[in-house]
Amino acid sequence: MKWSKETGGNFEDRRGMSGGGKAVVGGGIIGIVALLLTMFGGETGQVIGNVLQQTQGGTNQQTEQVQTRELSAKEKELGEFSRANLVYNNRTWEAIFNENGQTYQEPGMVLFDDGVNTACGSATSASGPFYCPADQTIYMDLRFFEELRTRFGAKGGDFAIAYVIAHEAGHHIQNLVGTNRKVRQAQQGKSEAAANKFSVAQELQADFFAGVWASRNKEKLEANDIEEAISAAQAVGDDAIQSKMQGHVQPEKFTHGTSAERKAWFMKGYNTGDMHQGDIETIYNSIRY
């Protein structure tokens, strides 16, 4: 991906620090089951704190935030890359909102190691990237992408990171336009399978919005960038993860969509560049399980 250092954006790099944003709990880190539940942590973030309480049984303790190590040159570069992509997303969505007579509010972004406290609860790095609507912030442990490549078979490359940032920015868009609230209301009183279908629609729309962002930034794309994004999307499809981790697929447990669906909706966003081509009702009605 073609990029350059950017300033601005509500950006904070907490990597290499202990205390402060770190959740200190008993019993070790979250296991693989929780990782699968919270991969691409969704739009609420609330499950993160719940999982910590249920699996750890510990009490959060906060200490003063202290620098414990110097970031490597590669880590610093990835931080600058993440900040640049936050800025690129802000510019794109501000323009789109202006086109539609709406006012855009920028999200924040926090990079962290190991654990972080948020307005949606505490999380460890096992939670994967997530967006917390309560503080309108994207949280990322960048070591997740090595896990994505080595454990789940995604291709490497910086555009996989750009895609995930755009996906989480898509959840911010959903928060701004009221989709989150509508989905939560629609899920009330539904069975687990029925409620999960709404979650799938919401995640697929975030993939669609990521595609819209990519479409609006084609001048920054290099060869294989879209392939990297598609590979990342497919690697975290519910069917791919379930097949890999438990040997069979349970559609009623899907919360993020299949590999094919995630690819399809990302590509629809990329091919149209129009946020109105992926309304939540259309996406929901396209789900056949």
Protein backbone atom coordinates (compact mmCIF):
# COMPACT_ATOMS: atom_id res chain seq x y z
CA MET A 1 0.00 0.00 0.00
CA LYS A 2 1.24 3.48 -0.82
CA TRP A 3 1.25 5.61 2.30
CA SER A 4 3.12 8.35 4.10
CA LYS A 5 3.34 9.53 7.68
CA GLU A 6 0.32 11.52 8.80
CA THR A 7 -0.38 13.75 11.75
CA GLY A 8 -3.73 14.34 13.34
CA GLY A 9 -6.38 11.85 14.26
CA ASN A 10 -7.32 10.85 17.79
CA PHE A 11 -4.48 8.35 18.04
CA GLU A 12 -2.64 6.86 21.02
CA ASP A 13 0.16 4.29 21.02
CA ARG A 14 0.32 2.47 24.37
CA ARG A 15 2.59 -0.34 23.22
CA GLY A 16 5.63 -0.94 25.38
CA MET A 17 3.80 0.29 28.45
CA SER A 18 2.59 -1.50 31.55
CA GLY A 19 -0.18 -0.41 33.87
CA GLY A 20 -2.55 2.31 32.71
CA GLY A 21 -4.52 0.66 29.96
CA LYS A 22 -3.51 -2.86 30.91
CA ALA A 23 -5.98 -5.27 32.48
CA VAL A 24 -4.24 -7.28 35.19
CA VAL A 25 -6.27 -10.38 36.03
CA GLY A 26 -5.71 -13.77 37.58
CA GLY A 27 -5.52 -17.03 35.69
CA GLY A 28 -3.57 -16.21 32.54
CA ILE A 29 -4.77 -14.94 29.17
CA ILE A 30 -8.03 -15.77 27.42
CA GLY A 31 -8.01 -19.16 25.71
CA ILE A 32 -8.66 -20.02 22.10
CA VAL A 33 -12.43 -20.32 22.54
CA ALA A 34 -12.67 -16.72 23.63
CA LEU A 35 -10.37 -15.72 20.78
CA LEU A 36 -12.79 -17.25 18.30
CA LEU A 37 -15.75 -15.57 19.97
CA THR A 38 -14.22 -12.13 19.78
CA MET A 39 -12.19 -12.24 16.55
CA PHE A 40 -12.57 -8.86 14.88
CA GLY A 41 -14.25 -7.86 18.15
CA GLY A 42 -17.46 -6.60 16.64
CA GLU A 43 -19.24 -3.36 17.24
CA THR A 44 -20.13 -3.52 20.92
CA GLY A 45 -17.00 -4.62 22.72
CA GLN A 46 -19.24 -5.67 25.62
CA VAL A 47 -18.47 -9.37 25.17
CA ILE A 48 -14.83 -8.65 25.92
CA GLY A 49 -15.35 -7.63 29.51
CA ASN A 50 -17.85 -10.45 30.00
CA VAL A 51 -15.44 -13.07 28.72
CA LEU A 52 -12.72 -11.82 31.04
CA GLN A 53 -14.99 -12.06 34.04
CA GLN A 54 -16.35 -15.49 33.10
CA THR A 55 -13.08 -17.13 32.13
CA GLN A 56 -10.63 -15.46 34.48
CA GLY A 57 -12.65 -14.81 37.61
CA GLY A 58 -10.16 -12.09 38.49
CA THR A 59 -10.45 -8.50 39.56
CA ASN A 60 -9.06 -5.76 37.35
CA GLN A 61 -6.24 -3.79 38.91
CA GLN A 62 -4.91 -0.57 37.42
CA THR A 63 -1.50 0.95 38.01
CA GLU A 64 0.20 4.03 36.71
CA GLN A 65 1.12 3.69 33.05
CA VAL A 66 4.88 3.22 32.75
CA GLN A 67 7.17 2.84 29.74
CA THR A 68 8.77 -0.59 30.04
CA ARG A 69 10.51 -1.08 26.70
CA GLU A 70 11.52 0.81 23.60
CA LEU A 71 9.57 -0.05 20.48
CA SER A 72 11.54 -1.55 17.62
CA ALA A 73 11.91 0.29 14.32
CA LYS A 74 9.43 -2.14 12.75
CA GLU A 75 6.91 -1.59 15.53
CA LYS A 76 7.23 2.18 15.16
CA GLU A 77 6.67 1.88 11.41
CA LEU A 78 3.53 -0.24 11.92
CA GLY A 79 2.29 2.36 14.38
CA GLU A 80 2.80 5.13 11.83
CA PHE A 81 1.07 2.99 9.21
CA SER A 82 -1.91 2.44 11.51
CA ARG A 83 -2.17 6.14 12.25
CA ALA A 84 -2.01 6.97 8.54
CA ASN A 85 -4.85 4.57 7.83
CA LEU A 86 -6.95 6.07 10.60
CA VAL A 87 -6.44 9.47 8.95
CA TYR A 88 -7.27 8.03 5.49
CA ASN A 89 -10.50 6.53 6.83
CA ASN A 90 -11.44 9.81 8.49
CA ARG A 91 -10.90 11.76 5.27
CA THR A 92 -12.91 9.28 3.23
CA TRP A 93 -15.88 9.05 5.58
CA GLU A 94 -15.95 12.78 6.23
CA ALA A 95 -16.27 13.29 2.46
CA ILE A 96 -19.00 10.64 2.18
CA PHE A 97 -20.93 12.12 5.10
CA ASN A 98 -20.65 15.59 3.58
CA GLU A 99 -22.01 14.23 0.29
CA ASN A 100 -25.06 13.03 2.21
CA GLY A 101 -25.56 16.19 4.25
CA GLN A 102 -24.37 14.57 7.49
CA THR A 103 -21.72 15.46 10.04
CA TYR A 104 -18.91 12.99 10.63
CA GLN A 105 -17.33 12.43 14.04
CA GLU A 106 -13.84 10.94 14.08
CA PRO A 107 -13.20 7.77 16.11
CA GLY A 108 -10.17 7.28 18.28
CA MET A 109 -7.55 4.56 17.90
CA VAL A 110 -5.45 2.93 20.63
CA LEU A 111 -2.60 0.51 19.95
CA PHE A 112 -1.76 -1.73 22.90
CA ASP A 113 0.20 -4.75 24.05
CA ASP A 114 -1.27 -7.57 26.14
CA GLY A 115 -4.32 -5.82 27.61
CA VAL A 116 -6.37 -2.66 27.69
CA ASN A 117 -9.20 -1.11 29.69
CA THR A 118 -12.00 0.48 27.68
CA ALA A 119 -15.44 1.95 28.26
CA CYS A 120 -16.77 -1.43 27.06
CA GLY A 121 -14.73 -3.46 29.56
CA SER A 122 -11.27 -4.97 29.78
CA ALA A 123 -9.63 -6.97 27.00
CA THR A 124 -6.44 -8.85 26.32
CA SER A 125 -4.66 -9.22 23.01
CA ALA A 126 -6.60 -12.46 22.46
CA SER A 127 -9.70 -10.39 21.77
CA GLY A 128 -8.42 -9.34 18.37
CA PRO A 129 -9.07 -5.83 16.98
CA PHE A 130 -12.36 -4.33 18.15
CA TYR A 131 -14.39 -1.14 18.24
CA CYS A 132 -15.96 0.16 21.44
CA PRO A 133 -18.99 2.40 20.79
CA ALA A 134 -19.06 3.68 24.36
CA ASP A 135 -15.82 5.62 23.81
CA GLN A 136 -15.94 5.53 19.97
CA THR A 137 -12.46 4.03 19.79
CA ILE A 138 -10.77 1.30 17.74
CA TYR A 139 -8.45 -0.91 19.82
CA MET A 140 -5.70 -2.98 18.21
CA ASP A 141 -2.85 -5.21 19.32
CA LEU A 142 -0.86 -5.36 16.09
CA ARG A 143 0.62 -8.75 16.98
CA PHE A 144 -2.80 -10.12 16.02
CA PHE A 145 -1.77 -10.03 12.37
CA GLU A 146 1.04 -12.50 12.90
CA GLU A 147 -1.52 -14.77 14.54
CA LEU A 148 -3.84 -14.24 11.59
CA ARG A 149 -1.10 -15.30 9.18
CA THR A 150 0.43 -18.23 11.08
CA ARG A 151 -2.66 -19.76 12.70
CA PHE A 152 -5.43 -18.91 10.26
CA GLY A 153 -3.56 -18.89 6.97
CA ALA A 154 -4.10 -15.31 5.83
CA LYS A 155 -1.60 -13.81 3.42
CA GLY A 156 0.89 -11.34 4.84
CA GLY A 157 1.16 -7.73 3.72
CA ASP A 158 0.33 -4.34 5.09
CA PHE A 159 -3.05 -4.09 3.37
CA ALA A 160 -4.43 -6.81 5.63
CA ILE A 161 -3.91 -4.32 8.47
CA ALA A 162 -5.49 -1.55 6.41
CA TYR A 163 -8.52 -3.76 5.75
CA VAL A 164 -9.01 -4.52 9.45
CA ILE A 165 -8.75 -0.85 10.38
CA ALA A 166 -11.32 -0.04 7.69
CA HIS A 167 -13.57 -2.85 8.99
CA GLU A 168 -13.45 -1.44 12.53
CA ALA A 169 -14.01 2.06 11.14
CA GLY A 170 -17.09 0.56 9.48
CA HIS A 171 -18.41 -0.31 12.94
CA HIS A 172 -17.89 3.32 13.89
CA ILE A 173 -19.99 4.36 10.90
CA GLN A 174 -22.72 1.97 12.07
CA ASN A 175 -22.57 3.60 15.49
CA LEU A 176 -22.89 7.09 14.02
CA VAL A 177 -25.87 6.30 11.77
CA GLY A 178 -27.77 4.30 14.41
CA THR A 179 -27.35 0.79 12.98
CA ASN A 180 -25.93 -0.55 16.26
CA ARG A 181 -29.01 0.56 18.18
CA LYS A 182 -31.40 -0.88 15.58
CA VAL A 183 -29.60 -4.24 15.61
CA ARG A 184 -29.65 -4.46 19.41
CA GLN A 185 -33.37 -3.71 19.39
CA ALA A 186 -34.03 -6.32 16.69
CA GLN A 187 -32.15 -8.95 18.69
CA GLN A 188 -34.28 -8.51 21.79
CA GLY A 189 -36.36 -11.59 22.54
CA LYS A 190 -34.87 -13.61 19.68
CA SER A 191 -33.33 -17.05 19.93
CA GLU A 192 -29.54 -17.29 19.88
CA ALA A 193 -29.52 -18.34 16.23
CA ALA A 194 -31.88 -15.54 15.20
CA ALA A 195 -29.93 -12.94 17.17
CA ASN A 196 -26.68 -14.19 15.66
CA LYS A 197 -28.05 -13.59 12.16
CA PHE A 198 -28.34 -9.89 12.94
CA SER A 199 -24.75 -9.90 14.19
CA VAL A 200 -23.64 -11.54 10.95
CA ALA A 201 -25.40 -8.83 8.93
CA GLN A 202 -23.68 -6.15 10.96
CA GLU A 203 -20.24 -7.70 10.47
CA LEU A 204 -20.80 -8.15 6.74
CA GLN A 205 -21.81 -4.51 6.46
CA ALA A 206 -18.55 -3.53 8.18
CA ASP A 207 -16.72 -5.57 5.51
CA PHE A 208 -18.78 -3.78 2.86
CA PHE A 209 -17.83 -0.39 4.31
CA ALA A 210 -14.17 -1.48 4.26
CA GLY A 211 -14.60 -2.18 0.55
CA VAL A 212 -16.17 1.25 0.01
CA TRP A 213 -13.16 2.83 1.71
CA ALA A 214 -10.75 0.84 -0.48
CA SER A 215 -12.68 1.88 -3.59
CA ARG A 216 -12.34 5.53 -2.61
CA ASN A 217 -8.56 5.14 -2.13
CA LYS A 218 -7.54 3.22 -5.24
CA GLU A 219 -4.64 5.60 -5.83
CA LYS A 220 -3.02 4.15 -2.71
CA LEU A 221 -3.37 0.51 -3.78
CA GLU A 222 -0.53 -1.63 -5.04
CA ALA A 223 -0.52 -5.02 -6.75
CA ASN A 224 -2.00 -7.77 -4.54
CA ASP A 225 -3.44 -5.35 -1.95
CA ILE A 226 -7.04 -6.40 -2.60
CA GLU A 227 -5.95 -10.04 -2.57
CA GLU A 228 -4.43 -9.46 0.88
CA ALA A 229 -7.68 -7.95 2.15
CA ILE A 230 -9.76 -10.80 0.73
CA SER A 231 -7.40 -13.36 2.25
CA ALA A 232 -7.76 -11.77 5.69
CA ALA A 233 -11.56 -11.62 5.36
CA GLN A 234 -11.77 -15.26 4.30
CA ALA A 235 -9.40 -16.45 7.03
CA VAL A 236 -11.77 -15.23 9.74
CA GLY A 237 -14.99 -16.48 8.18
CA ASP A 238 -17.03 -18.39 10.75
CA ASP A 239 -17.07 -21.54 8.64
CA ALA A 240 -13.31 -21.46 8.12
CA ILE A 241 -12.60 -20.98 11.83
CA GLN A 242 -15.09 -23.62 12.96
CA SER A 243 -13.79 -26.15 10.46
CA LYS A 244 -10.22 -25.54 11.55
CA MET A 245 -10.82 -25.51 15.29
CA GLN A 246 -13.62 -28.03 15.81
CA GLY A 247 -13.78 -30.03 12.58
CA HIS A 248 -17.38 -29.18 11.71
CA VAL A 249 -19.55 -26.17 10.95
CA GLN A 250 -22.50 -24.87 13.00
CA PRO A 251 -24.27 -22.10 11.06
CA GLU A 252 -26.52 -21.29 14.01
CA LYS A 253 -23.38 -20.23 15.88
CA PHE A 254 -22.14 -17.88 13.15
CA THR A 255 -21.65 -14.29 14.28
CA HIS A 256 -19.43 -12.80 11.54
CA GLY A 257 -20.40 -14.57 8.31
CA THR A 258 -18.84 -17.19 6.08
CA SER A 259 -15.59 -16.69 4.20
CA ALA A 260 -17.53 -16.41 0.93
CA GLU A 261 -19.92 -13.81 2.38
CA ARG A 262 -17.13 -11.69 3.82
CA LYS A 263 -15.32 -11.68 0.50
CA ALA A 264 -18.51 -10.96 -1.45
CA TRP A 265 -19.57 -7.97 0.64
CA PHE A 266 -16.07 -6.49 0.76
CA MET A 267 -15.89 -6.76 -3.02
CA LYS A 268 -19.36 -5.25 -3.46
CA GLY A 269 -18.22 -2.24 -1.49
CA TYR A 270 -15.02 -2.06 -3.52
CA ASN A 271 -16.79 -2.42 -6.87
CA THR A 272 -19.55 0.12 -6.13
CA GLY A 273 -17.87 2.64 -3.84
CA ASP A 274 -21.39 3.52 -2.68
CA MET A 275 -22.29 3.06 0.98
CA HIS A 276 -25.99 2.88 0.09
CA GLN A 277 -25.50 -0.36 -1.87
CA GLY A 278 -25.02 -2.33 1.35
CA ASP A 279 -27.91 -1.41 3.62
CA ILE A 280 -28.32 -3.67 6.64
CA GLU A 281 -31.75 -4.99 5.59
CA THR A 282 -30.46 -6.16 2.19
CA ILE A 283 -27.50 -7.87 3.80
CA TYR A 284 -29.69 -9.52 6.44
CA ASN A 285 -32.10 -10.85 3.81
CA SER A 286 -29.19 -12.31 1.81
CA ILE A 287 -28.18 -14.63 4.67
CA ARG A 288 -29.53 -18.14 4.03
CA TYR A 289 -28.80 -19.98 7.27
